[in-house]
Amino acid sequence: MASPFCPVCEEDVGSLGHPSHARWVGPDGNVYCTLHFIARFGHAEKLVPISGYEPPAEVKPPAPKQEKPKRKRTRSTPQKEEVLDG
């Protein structure tokens, strides 16, 4: 079973980005993601999971491209100070 999206997230796709998957059935019978469930009903309301809920597969974002550190130029032998007599 495909997980439905939270209807509140779908309304605000423009400002919130990709909608969250709904996990919980609210007391009003609608489904909500965790964020909007708690925002609407508070922490005291019992969480009732959607029957047959399957969490979406985790997709890792691509790792940021890292530049190779620049090598510092070093001298192969340290220069010696010349001692002048005189």
C-alpha atoms as a PDB file:
ATOM      1  CA  MET A   1       0.000   0.000   0.000  1.00  0.00           C
ATOM      2  CA  ALA A   2       1.376   3.386  -0.939  1.00  0.00           C
ATOM      3  CA  SER A   3       1.472   5.873   1.878  1.00  0.00           C
ATOM      4  CA  PRO A   4      -0.880   8.823   1.397  1.00  0.00           C
ATOM      5  CA  PHE A   5       0.446  12.328   1.742  1.00  0.00           C
ATOM      6  CA  CYS A   6      -0.583  14.662   4.542  1.00  0.00           C
ATOM      7  CA  PRO A   7      -3.351  16.940   3.131  1.00  0.00           C
ATOM      8  CA  VAL A   8      -2.050  19.961   5.086  1.00  0.00           C
ATOM      9  CA  CYS A   9       1.425  19.468   3.587  1.00  0.00           C
ATOM     10  CA  GLU A  10      -0.088  19.156   0.113  1.00  0.00           C
ATOM     11  CA  GLU A  11      -1.895  22.491   0.536  1.00  0.00           C
ATOM     12  CA  ASP A  12       1.391  24.247   1.354  1.00  0.00           C
ATOM     13  CA  VAL A  13       3.621  22.555  -1.238  1.00  0.00           C
ATOM     14  CA  GLY A  14       4.762  25.961  -2.506  1.00  0.00           C
ATOM     15  CA  SER A  15       6.207  27.049   0.845  1.00  0.00           C
ATOM     16  CA  LEU A  16       7.014  23.698   2.502  1.00  0.00           C
ATOM     17  CA  GLY A  17       8.401  21.736  -0.434  1.00  0.00           C
ATOM     18  CA  HIS A  18       7.676  18.034  -0.960  1.00  0.00           C
ATOM     19  CA  PRO A  19       4.693  16.906   1.159  1.00  0.00           C
ATOM     20  CA  SER A  20       5.237  14.498   4.056  1.00  0.00           C
ATOM     21  CA  HIS A  21       3.733  11.030   4.174  1.00  0.00           C
ATOM     22  CA  ALA A  22       0.735  10.687   6.460  1.00  0.00           C
ATOM     23  CA  ARG A  23       1.217   8.212   9.328  1.00  0.00           C
ATOM     24  CA  TRP A  24      -1.531   8.973  11.822  1.00  0.00           C
ATOM     25  CA  VAL A  25      -5.323   8.969  11.828  1.00  0.00           C
ATOM     26  CA  GLY A  26      -6.658  12.025  13.640  1.00  0.00           C
ATOM     27  CA  PRO A  27      -9.744  12.099  15.863  1.00  0.00           C
ATOM     28  CA  ASP A  28     -11.555  13.814  12.989  1.00  0.00           C
ATOM     29  CA  GLY A  29     -10.916  10.775  10.721  1.00  0.00           C
ATOM     30  CA  ASN A  30      -8.391  12.518   8.448  1.00  0.00           C
ATOM     31  CA  VAL A  31      -4.781  11.405   8.084  1.00  0.00           C
ATOM     32  CA  TYR A  32      -1.812  13.606   9.049  1.00  0.00           C
ATOM     33  CA  CYS A  33       1.969  13.613   9.173  1.00  0.00           C
ATOM     34  CA  THR A  34       3.482  13.759  12.662  1.00  0.00           C
ATOM     35  CA  LEU A  35       4.149  17.509  12.520  1.00  0.00           C
ATOM     36  CA  HIS A  36       0.622  18.522  11.548  1.00  0.00           C
ATOM     37  CA  PHE A  37      -1.030  15.923  13.799  1.00  0.00           C
ATOM     38  CA  ILE A  38       0.685  17.351  16.889  1.00  0.00           C
ATOM     39  CA  ALA A  39       0.147  20.948  15.725  1.00  0.00           C
ATOM     40  CA  ARG A  40      -3.582  20.340  15.312  1.00  0.00           C
ATOM     41  CA  PHE A  41      -4.369  18.022  18.250  1.00  0.00           C
ATOM     42  CA  GLY A  42      -1.463  18.474  20.693  1.00  0.00           C
ATOM     43  CA  HIS A  43       0.771  15.978  22.454  1.00  0.00           C
ATOM     44  CA  ALA A  44      -1.993  14.610  24.685  1.00  0.00           C
ATOM     45  CA  GLU A  45      -3.919  13.037  21.787  1.00  0.00           C
ATOM     46  CA  LYS A  46      -3.239   9.335  21.258  1.00  0.00           C
ATOM     47  CA  LEU A  47      -1.367   8.472  18.061  1.00  0.00           C
ATOM     48  CA  VAL A  48      -3.351   5.973  15.985  1.00  0.00           C
ATOM     49  CA  PRO A  49      -1.264   4.678  13.069  1.00  0.00           C
ATOM     50  CA  ILE A  50      -2.729   4.190   9.609  1.00  0.00           C
ATOM     51  CA  SER A  51      -3.430   0.501   9.057  1.00  0.00           C
ATOM     52  CA  GLY A  52      -0.840  -1.078   6.770  1.00  0.00           C
ATOM     53  CA  TYR A  53       1.476   1.946   6.889  1.00  0.00           C
ATOM     54  CA  GLU A  54       4.809   1.290   5.190  1.00  0.00           C
ATOM     55  CA  PRO A  55       7.455   3.960   5.684  1.00  0.00           C
ATOM     56  CA  PRO A  56       8.882   5.230   2.386  1.00  0.00           C
ATOM     57  CA  ALA A  57      12.274   3.928   1.324  1.00  0.00           C
ATOM     58  CA  GLU A  58      15.128   6.085   2.558  1.00  0.00           C
ATOM     59  CA  VAL A  59      16.813   7.954  -0.253  1.00  0.00           C
ATOM     60  CA  LYS A  60      20.107   9.538   0.667  1.00  0.00           C
ATOM     61  CA  PRO A  61      20.896  12.838  -1.032  1.00  0.00           C
ATOM     62  CA  PRO A  62      24.101  12.873  -3.059  1.00  0.00           C
ATOM     63  CA  ALA A  63      27.192  13.740  -1.085  1.00  0.00           C
ATOM     64  CA  PRO A  64      28.484  17.266  -1.628  1.00  0.00           C
ATOM     65  CA  LYS A  65      31.367  17.465  -4.032  1.00  0.00           C
ATOM     66  CA  GLN A  66      34.571  18.124  -2.133  1.00  0.00           C
ATOM     67  CA  GLU A  67      37.563  19.759  -3.661  1.00  0.00           C
ATOM     68  CA  LYS A  68      40.908  18.139  -3.161  1.00  0.00           C
ATOM     69  CA  PRO A  69      43.043  20.094  -0.726  1.00  0.00           C
ATOM     70  CA  LYS A  70      45.757  22.096  -2.427  1.00  0.00           C
ATOM     71  CA  ARG A  71      49.244  20.889  -1.777  1.00  0.00           C
ATOM     72  CA  LYS A  72      51.563  23.349  -0.141  1.00  0.00           C
ATOM     73  CA  ARG A  73      54.823  23.941  -1.895  1.00  0.00           C
ATOM     74  CA  THR A  74      57.726  23.046   0.307  1.00  0.00           C
ATOM     75  CA  ARG A  75      61.420  23.061  -0.287  1.00  0.00           C
ATOM     76  CA  SER A  76      63.086  19.730  -0.415  1.00  0.00           C
ATOM     77  CA  THR A  77      66.042  20.972   1.663  1.00  0.00           C
ATOM     78  CA  PRO A  78      66.028  23.879   4.065  1.00  0.00           C
ATOM     79  CA  GLN A  79      68.265  26.773   3.097  1.00  0.00           C
ATOM     80  CA  LYS A  80      71.246  27.366   5.349  1.00  0.00           C
ATOM     81  CA  GLU A  81      72.203  30.814   6.469  1.00  0.00           C
ATOM     82  CA  GLU A  82      75.611  31.917   5.274  1.00  0.00           C
ATOM     83  CA  VAL A  83      77.995  32.944   8.016  1.00  0.00           C
ATOM     84  CA  LEU A  84      80.124  35.918   7.022  1.00  0.00           C
ATOM     85  CA  ASP A  85      83.415  36.495   8.835  1.00  0.00           C
ATOM     86  CA  GLY A  86      84.423  39.960   9.053  1.00  0.00           C
END
